[in-house]
Amino acid sequence: MMILTMSTASVFAEGPRLDYPDDATEEGADCWVDGYDAGFAGKYDKNRANECKDKGEDNYNSVWGYSCKDAGYMPDESLSL
């Protein structure tokens, strides 16, 4: 009897989405990821931003601009006309 094994490569997200500060708490890291995802999608969640700010780590708002730029919602600041 032959057993076939099928394996799937695991995919791990890297890059700016997971570049939260080294000293971030677990909740702060979650706020960073939520802020990045929301910014990339172009959907600001004011309630989640306030939750994060109230916990003392404003990581949601800290990453918002980066993610909007990564998604192409903001003009490239390096271009000059």
PDB file of N, CA and C in Angstrom:
ATOM      1  N   MET A   1       0.836  -1.171   0.000  1.00  0.00           N
ATOM      2  CA  MET A   1       0.000   0.000   0.000  1.00  0.00           C
ATOM      3  C   MET A   1       0.886   1.241   0.000  1.00  0.00           C
ATOM      4  N   MET A   2       0.578   2.143  -0.871  1.00  0.00           N
ATOM      5  CA  MET A   2       1.377   3.347  -0.989  1.00  0.00           C
ATOM      6  C   MET A   2       0.632   4.525  -0.358  1.00  0.00           C
ATOM      7  N   ILE A   3       1.316   5.234   0.476  1.00  0.00           N
ATOM      8  CA  ILE A   3       0.721   6.415   1.117  1.00  0.00           C
ATOM      9  C   ILE A   3       1.330   7.656   0.465  1.00  0.00           C
ATOM     10  N   LEU A   4       0.478   8.449  -0.045  1.00  0.00           N
ATOM     11  CA  LEU A   4       0.928   9.703  -0.646  1.00  0.00           C
ATOM     12  C   LEU A   4       0.775  10.824   0.370  1.00  0.00           C
ATOM     13  N   THR A   5       1.802  11.566   0.503  1.00  0.00           N
ATOM     14  CA  THR A   5       1.765  12.697   1.428  1.00  0.00           C
ATOM     15  C   THR A   5       1.756  13.981   0.629  1.00  0.00           C
ATOM     16  N   MET A   6       0.795  14.778   0.920  1.00  0.00           N
ATOM     17  CA  MET A   6       0.701  16.065   0.251  1.00  0.00           C
ATOM     18  C   MET A   6       1.047  17.146   1.257  1.00  0.00           C
ATOM     19  N   SER A   7       1.983  17.963   0.932  1.00  0.00           N
ATOM     20  CA  SER A   7       2.359  19.027   1.859  1.00  0.00           C
ATOM     21  C   SER A   7       2.121  20.377   1.209  1.00  0.00           C
ATOM     22  N   THR A   8       1.751  21.294   2.016  1.00  0.00           N
ATOM     23  CA  THR A   8       1.513  22.653   1.566  1.00  0.00           C
ATOM     24  C   THR A   8       2.491  23.564   2.287  1.00  0.00           C
ATOM     25  N   ALA A   9       3.129  24.396   1.537  1.00  0.00           N
ATOM     26  CA  ALA A   9       4.069  25.337   2.148  1.00  0.00           C
ATOM     27  C   ALA A   9       3.303  26.330   3.009  1.00  0.00           C
ATOM     28  N   SER A  10       3.826  26.586   4.161  1.00  0.00           N
ATOM     29  CA  SER A  10       3.219  27.577   5.041  1.00  0.00           C
ATOM     30  C   SER A  10       3.586  28.968   4.554  1.00  0.00           C
ATOM     31  N   VAL A  11       2.648  29.849   4.672  1.00  0.00           N
ATOM     32  CA  VAL A  11       2.872  31.226   4.257  1.00  0.00           C
ATOM     33  C   VAL A  11       2.863  32.099   5.499  1.00  0.00           C
ATOM     34  N   PHE A  12       3.908  32.862   5.659  1.00  0.00           N
ATOM     35  CA  PHE A  12       4.011  33.759   6.800  1.00  0.00           C
ATOM     36  C   PHE A  12       4.073  35.193   6.292  1.00  0.00           C
ATOM     37  N   ALA A  13       3.237  36.043   6.875  1.00  0.00           N
ATOM     38  CA  ALA A  13       3.250  37.457   6.502  1.00  0.00           C
ATOM     39  C   ALA A  13       4.475  38.122   7.101  1.00  0.00           C
ATOM     40  N   GLU A  14       5.103  38.949   6.325  1.00  0.00           N
ATOM     41  CA  GLU A  14       6.268  39.689   6.788  1.00  0.00           C
ATOM     42  C   GLU A  14       6.154  41.115   6.283  1.00  0.00           C
ATOM     43  N   GLY A  15       7.137  41.918   6.598  1.00  0.00           N
ATOM     44  CA  GLY A  15       7.180  43.274   6.089  1.00  0.00           C
ATOM     45  C   GLY A  15       6.520  44.266   7.023  1.00  0.00           C
ATOM     46  N   PRO A  16       6.102  45.416   6.475  1.00  0.00           N
ATOM     47  CA  PRO A  16       5.605  46.506   7.318  1.00  0.00           C
ATOM     48  C   PRO A  16       4.403  46.123   8.169  1.00  0.00           C
ATOM     49  N   ARG A  17       3.635  45.175   7.714  1.00  0.00           N
ATOM     50  CA  ARG A  17       2.462  44.765   8.473  1.00  0.00           C
ATOM     51  C   ARG A  17       2.861  44.220   9.851  1.00  0.00           C
ATOM     52  N   LEU A  18       4.021  43.616   9.944  1.00  0.00           N
ATOM     53  CA  LEU A  18       4.476  43.049  11.217  1.00  0.00           C
ATOM     54  C   LEU A  18       5.688  43.785  11.791  1.00  0.00           C
ATOM     55  N   ASP A  19       5.911  45.015  11.380  1.00  0.00           N
ATOM     56  CA  ASP A  19       7.041  45.799  11.872  1.00  0.00           C
ATOM     57  C   ASP A  19       6.682  46.648  13.088  1.00  0.00           C
ATOM     58  N   TYR A  20       5.832  46.137  13.952  1.00  0.00           N
ATOM     59  CA  TYR A  20       5.463  46.897  15.155  1.00  0.00           C
ATOM     60  C   TYR A  20       6.687  47.021  16.064  1.00  0.00           C
ATOM     61  N   PRO A  21       6.675  48.021  16.954  1.00  0.00           N
ATOM     62  CA  PRO A  21       7.834  48.258  17.818  1.00  0.00           C
ATOM     63  C   PRO A  21       8.206  47.029  18.653  1.00  0.00           C
ATOM     64  N   ASP A  22       9.498  46.856  18.888  1.00  0.00           N
ATOM     65  CA  ASP A  22       9.987  45.710  19.657  1.00  0.00           C
ATOM     66  C   ASP A  22       9.413  45.655  21.066  1.00  0.00           C
ATOM     67  N   ASP A  23       9.140  46.814  21.635  1.00  0.00           N
ATOM     68  CA  ASP A  23       8.640  46.850  23.010  1.00  0.00           C
ATOM     69  C   ASP A  23       7.106  46.855  23.088  1.00  0.00           C
ATOM     70  N   ALA A  24       6.442  46.578  21.969  1.00  0.00           N
ATOM     71  CA  ALA A  24       4.975  46.572  21.951  1.00  0.00           C
ATOM     72  C   ALA A  24       4.425  45.389  22.756  1.00  0.00           C
ATOM     73  N   THR A  25       3.342  45.650  23.451  1.00  0.00           N
ATOM     74  CA  THR A  25       2.645  44.570  24.140  1.00  0.00           C
ATOM     75  C   THR A  25       1.905  43.743  23.089  1.00  0.00           C
ATOM     76  N   GLU A  26       1.315  42.651  23.518  1.00  0.00           N
ATOM     77  CA  GLU A  26       0.541  41.823  22.578  1.00  0.00           C
ATOM     78  C   GLU A  26      -0.613  42.633  21.992  1.00  0.00           C
ATOM     79  N   GLU A  27      -1.284  43.415  22.852  1.00  0.00           N
ATOM     80  CA  GLU A  27      -2.394  44.248  22.380  1.00  0.00           C
ATOM     81  C   GLU A  27      -1.879  45.334  21.432  1.00  0.00           C
ATOM     82  N   GLY A  28      -0.721  45.912  21.751  1.00  0.00           N
ATOM     83  CA  GLY A  28      -0.134  46.932  20.880  1.00  0.00           C
ATOM     84  C   GLY A  28       0.220  46.366  19.518  1.00  0.00           C
ATOM     85  N   ALA A  29       0.743  45.153  19.500  1.00  0.00           N
ATOM     86  CA  ALA A  29       1.065  44.492  18.237  1.00  0.00           C
ATOM     87  C   ALA A  29      -0.210  44.229  17.437  1.00  0.00           C
ATOM     88  N   ASP A  30      -1.267  43.819  18.126  1.00  0.00           N
ATOM     89  CA  ASP A  30      -2.551  43.596  17.450  1.00  0.00           C
ATOM     90  C   ASP A  30      -3.087  44.898  16.867  1.00  0.00           C
ATOM     91  N   CYS A  31      -2.925  45.999  17.608  1.00  0.00           N
ATOM     92  CA  CYS A  31      -3.375  47.304  17.115  1.00  0.00           C
ATOM     93  C   CYS A  31      -2.604  47.704  15.864  1.00  0.00           C
ATOM     94  N   TRP A  32      -1.307  47.425  15.855  1.00  0.00           N
ATOM     95  CA  TRP A  32      -0.478  47.736  14.690  1.00  0.00           C
ATOM     96  C   TRP A  32      -0.982  46.978  13.464  1.00  0.00           C
ATOM     97  N   VAL A  33      -1.193  45.685  13.621  1.00  0.00           N
ATOM     98  CA  VAL A  33      -1.651  44.860  12.495  1.00  0.00           C
ATOM     99  C   VAL A  33      -3.042  45.304  12.052  1.00  0.00           C
ATOM    100  N   ASP A  34      -3.936  45.577  13.002  1.00  0.00           N
ATOM    101  CA  ASP A  34      -5.280  46.043  12.644  1.00  0.00           C
ATOM    102  C   ASP A  34      -5.216  47.371  11.887  1.00  0.00           C
ATOM    103  N   GLY A  35      -4.371  48.285  12.369  1.00  0.00           N
ATOM    104  CA  GLY A  35      -4.225  49.585  11.712  1.00  0.00           C
ATOM    105  C   GLY A  35      -3.663  49.456  10.310  1.00  0.00           C
ATOM    106  N   TYR A  36      -2.677  48.569  10.157  1.00  0.00           N
ATOM    107  CA  TYR A  36      -2.091  48.367   8.831  1.00  0.00           C
ATOM    108  C   TYR A  36      -3.133  47.779   7.876  1.00  0.00           C
ATOM    109  N   ASP A  37      -3.823  46.757   8.329  1.00  0.00           N
ATOM    110  CA  ASP A  37      -4.831  46.115   7.472  1.00  0.00           C
ATOM    111  C   ASP A  37      -5.939  47.088   7.094  1.00  0.00           C
ATOM    112  N   ALA A  38      -6.393  47.880   8.054  1.00  0.00           N
ATOM    113  CA  ALA A  38      -7.466  48.834   7.782  1.00  0.00           C
ATOM    114  C   ALA A  38      -6.999  49.918   6.824  1.00  0.00           C
ATOM    115  N   GLY A  39      -5.800  50.421   7.026  1.00  0.00           N
ATOM    116  CA  GLY A  39      -5.269  51.445   6.129  1.00  0.00           C
ATOM    117  C   GLY A  39      -5.082  50.921   4.724  1.00  0.00           C
ATOM    118  N   PHE A  40      -4.580  49.699   4.633  1.00  0.00           N
ATOM    119  CA  PHE A  40      -4.369  49.095   3.314  1.00  0.00           C
ATOM    120  C   PHE A  40      -5.698  48.916   2.590  1.00  0.00           C
ATOM    121  N   ALA A  41      -6.744  48.629   3.352  1.00  0.00           N
ATOM    122  CA  ALA A  41      -8.076  48.463   2.766  1.00  0.00           C
ATOM    123  C   ALA A  41      -8.772  49.805   2.548  1.00  0.00           C
ATOM    124  N   GLY A  42      -8.208  50.876   3.140  1.00  0.00           N
ATOM    125  CA  GLY A  42      -8.819  52.203   2.999  1.00  0.00           C
ATOM    126  C   GLY A  42     -10.046  52.385   3.865  1.00  0.00           C
ATOM    127  N   LYS A  43     -10.112  51.661   4.982  1.00  0.00           N
ATOM    128  CA  LYS A  43     -11.289  51.731   5.861  1.00  0.00           C
ATOM    129  C   LYS A  43     -10.841  52.006   7.295  1.00  0.00           C
ATOM    130  N   TYR A  44     -10.906  53.256   7.693  1.00  0.00           N
ATOM    131  CA  TYR A  44     -10.501  53.664   9.037  1.00  0.00           C
ATOM    132  C   TYR A  44     -11.582  53.275  10.044  1.00  0.00           C
ATOM    133  N   ASP A  45     -11.188  52.595  11.102  1.00  0.00           N
ATOM    134  CA  ASP A  45     -12.112  52.172  12.151  1.00  0.00           C
ATOM    135  C   ASP A  45     -11.849  53.031  13.392  1.00  0.00           C
ATOM    136  N   LYS A  46     -12.625  54.096  13.538  1.00  0.00           N
ATOM    137  CA  LYS A  46     -12.407  55.052  14.630  1.00  0.00           C
ATOM    138  C   LYS A  46     -12.540  54.382  15.993  1.00  0.00           C
ATOM    139  N   ASN A  47     -13.488  53.478  16.148  1.00  0.00           N
ATOM    140  CA  ASN A  47     -13.673  52.796  17.435  1.00  0.00           C
ATOM    141  C   ASN A  47     -12.447  51.960  17.792  1.00  0.00           C
ATOM    142  N   ARG A  48     -11.900  51.239  16.825  1.00  0.00           N
ATOM    143  CA  ARG A  48     -10.709  50.424  17.092  1.00  0.00           C
ATOM    144  C   ARG A  48      -9.504  51.320  17.369  1.00  0.00           C
ATOM    145  N   ALA A  49      -9.401  52.415  16.648  1.00  0.00           N
ATOM    146  CA  ALA A  49      -8.304  53.360  16.886  1.00  0.00           C
ATOM    147  C   ALA A  49      -8.376  53.916  18.309  1.00  0.00           C
ATOM    148  N   ASN A  50      -9.582  54.251  18.752  1.00  0.00           N
ATOM    149  CA  ASN A  50      -9.753  54.770  20.118  1.00  0.00           C
ATOM    150  C   ASN A  50      -9.449  53.706  21.166  1.00  0.00           C
ATOM    151  N   GLU A  51      -9.851  52.461  20.905  1.00  0.00           N
ATOM    152  CA  GLU A  51      -9.526  51.359  21.825  1.00  0.00           C
ATOM    153  C   GLU A  51      -8.016  51.247  22.005  1.00  0.00           C
ATOM    154  N   CYS A  52      -7.308  51.286  20.902  1.00  0.00           N
ATOM    155  CA  CYS A  52      -5.851  51.153  20.943  1.00  0.00           C
ATOM    156  C   CYS A  52      -5.218  52.329  21.672  1.00  0.00           C
ATOM    157  N   LYS A  53      -5.709  53.524  21.391  1.00  0.00           N
ATOM    158  CA  LYS A  53      -5.169  54.721  22.037  1.00  0.00           C
ATOM    159  C   LYS A  53      -5.431  54.691  23.538  1.00  0.00           C
ATOM    160  N   ASP A  54      -6.610  54.221  23.932  1.00  0.00           N
ATOM    161  CA  ASP A  54      -6.965  54.138  25.354  1.00  0.00           C
ATOM    162  C   ASP A  54      -6.095  53.142  26.115  1.00  0.00           C
ATOM    163  N   LYS A  55      -5.548  52.168  25.415  1.00  0.00           N
ATOM    164  CA  LYS A  55      -4.693  51.167  26.067  1.00  0.00           C
ATOM    165  C   LYS A  55      -3.256  51.655  26.188  1.00  0.00           C
ATOM    166  N   GLY A  56      -2.994  52.867  25.725  1.00  0.00           N
ATOM    167  CA  GLY A  56      -1.684  53.465  25.893  1.00  0.00           C
ATOM    168  C   GLY A  56      -0.729  53.287  24.731  1.00  0.00           C
ATOM    169  N   GLU A  57      -1.102  52.519  23.728  1.00  0.00           N
ATOM    170  CA  GLU A  57      -0.249  52.334  22.561  1.00  0.00           C
ATOM    171  C   GLU A  57      -1.043  52.734  21.327  1.00  0.00           C
ATOM    172  N   ASP A  58      -0.661  53.838  20.736  1.00  0.00           N
ATOM    173  CA  ASP A  58      -1.395  54.354  19.581  1.00  0.00           C
ATOM    174  C   ASP A  58      -0.858  53.762  18.279  1.00  0.00           C
ATOM    175  N   ASN A  59      -0.626  52.463  18.285  1.00  0.00           N
ATOM    176  CA  ASN A  59      -0.052  51.803  17.123  1.00  0.00           C
ATOM    177  C   ASN A  59      -0.992  51.777  15.930  1.00  0.00           C
ATOM    178  N   TYR A  60      -2.290  51.801  16.175  1.00  0.00           N
ATOM    179  CA  TYR A  60      -3.255  51.796  15.069  1.00  0.00           C
ATOM    180  C   TYR A  60      -3.024  53.027  14.197  1.00  0.00           C
ATOM    181  N   ASN A  61      -2.993  54.196  14.835  1.00  0.00           N
ATOM    182  CA  ASN A  61      -2.797  55.440  14.093  1.00  0.00           C
ATOM    183  C   ASN A  61      -1.361  55.597  13.597  1.00  0.00           C
ATOM    184  N   SER A  62      -0.409  55.033  14.317  1.00  0.00           N
ATOM    185  CA  SER A  62       0.997  55.160  13.933  1.00  0.00           C
ATOM    186  C   SER A  62       1.281  54.537  12.577  1.00  0.00           C
ATOM    187  N   VAL A  63       0.624  53.452  12.273  1.00  0.00           N
ATOM    188  CA  VAL A  63       0.897  52.732  11.027  1.00  0.00           C
ATOM    189  C   VAL A  63      -0.050  53.119   9.891  1.00  0.00           C
ATOM    190  N   TRP A  64      -1.099  53.847  10.206  1.00  0.00           N
ATOM    191  CA  TRP A  64      -2.145  54.169   9.230  1.00  0.00           C
ATOM    192  C   TRP A  64      -1.576  54.790   7.946  1.00  0.00           C
ATOM    193  N   GLY A  65      -0.759  55.816   8.068  1.00  0.00           N
ATOM    194  CA  GLY A  65      -0.212  56.497   6.891  1.00  0.00           C
ATOM    195  C   GLY A  65       0.651  55.593   6.026  1.00  0.00           C
ATOM    196  N   TYR A  66       1.454  54.757   6.677  1.00  0.00           N
ATOM    197  CA  TYR A  66       2.310  53.834   5.927  1.00  0.00           C
ATOM    198  C   TYR A  66       1.478  52.871   5.089  1.00  0.00           C
ATOM    199  N   SER A  67       0.423  52.352   5.701  1.00  0.00           N
ATOM    200  CA  SER A  67      -0.371  51.359   4.979  1.00  0.00           C
ATOM    201  C   SER A  67      -1.168  51.981   3.850  1.00  0.00           C
ATOM    202  N   CYS A  68      -1.646  53.201   4.052  1.00  0.00           N
ATOM    203  CA  CYS A  68      -2.356  53.886   2.965  1.00  0.00           C
ATOM    204  C   CYS A  68      -1.419  54.132   1.790  1.00  0.00           C
ATOM    205  N   LYS A  69      -0.181  54.495   2.099  1.00  0.00           N
ATOM    206  CA  LYS A  69       0.801  54.732   1.041  1.00  0.00           C
ATOM    207  C   LYS A  69       1.147  53.424   0.336  1.00  0.00           C
ATOM    208  N   ASP A  70       1.330  52.344   1.122  1.00  0.00           N
ATOM    209  CA  ASP A  70       1.632  51.043   0.527  1.00  0.00           C
ATOM    210  C   ASP A  70       0.526  50.582  -0.421  1.00  0.00           C
ATOM    211  N   ALA A  71      -0.705  50.925  -0.084  1.00  0.00           N
ATOM    212  CA  ALA A  71      -1.844  50.510  -0.909  1.00  0.00           C
ATOM    213  C   ALA A  71      -2.032  51.398  -2.135  1.00  0.00           C
ATOM    214  N   GLY A  72      -1.303  52.512  -2.177  1.00  0.00           N
ATOM    215  CA  GLY A  72      -1.416  53.404  -3.328  1.00  0.00           C
ATOM    216  C   GLY A  72      -2.463  54.483  -3.182  1.00  0.00           C
ATOM    217  N   TYR A  73      -2.963  54.706  -1.963  1.00  0.00           N
ATOM    218  CA  TYR A  73      -3.976  55.732  -1.756  1.00  0.00           C
ATOM    219  C   TYR A  73      -3.377  57.129  -1.648  1.00  0.00           C
ATOM    220  N   MET A  74      -2.072  57.208  -1.410  1.00  0.00           N
ATOM    221  CA  MET A  74      -1.412  58.494  -1.257  1.00  0.00           C
ATOM    222  C   MET A  74      -0.383  58.646  -2.369  1.00  0.00           C
ATOM    223  N   PRO A  75      -0.189  59.863  -2.846  1.00  0.00           N
ATOM    224  CA  PRO A  75       0.812  60.051  -3.903  1.00  0.00           C
ATOM    225  C   PRO A  75       2.212  59.779  -3.368  1.00  0.00           C
ATOM    226  N   ASP A  76       3.079  59.364  -4.248  1.00  0.00           N
ATOM    227  CA  ASP A  76       4.465  59.105  -3.873  1.00  0.00           C
ATOM    228  C   ASP A  76       5.125  60.450  -3.575  1.00  0.00           C
ATOM    229  N   GLU A  77       5.545  60.638  -2.340  1.00  0.00           N
ATOM    230  CA  GLU A  77       6.123  61.909  -1.918  1.00  0.00           C
ATOM    231  C   GLU A  77       7.493  62.155  -2.534  1.00  0.00           C
ATOM    232  N   SER A  78       8.111  61.128  -3.071  1.00  0.00           N
ATOM    233  CA  SER A  78       9.442  61.295  -3.633  1.00  0.00           C
ATOM    234  C   SER A  78       9.400  61.886  -5.045  1.00  0.00           C
ATOM    235  N   LEU A  79       8.243  61.916  -5.652  1.00  0.00           N
ATOM    236  CA  LEU A  79       8.123  62.477  -6.987  1.00  0.00           C
ATOM    237  C   LEU A  79       7.997  63.999  -6.911  1.00  0.00           C
ATOM    238  N   SER A  80       8.703  64.668  -7.754  1.00  0.00           N
ATOM    239  CA  SER A  80       8.554  66.117  -7.810  1.00  0.00           C
ATOM    240  C   SER A  80       8.161  66.508  -9.227  1.00  0.00           C
ATOM    241  N   LEU A  81       7.299  67.469  -9.327  1.00  0.00           N
ATOM    242  CA  LEU A  81       6.812  67.891 -10.645  1.00  0.00           C
ATOM    243  C   LEU A  81       7.504  69.147 -11.106  1.00  0.00           C
TER     244      LEU A  81
END
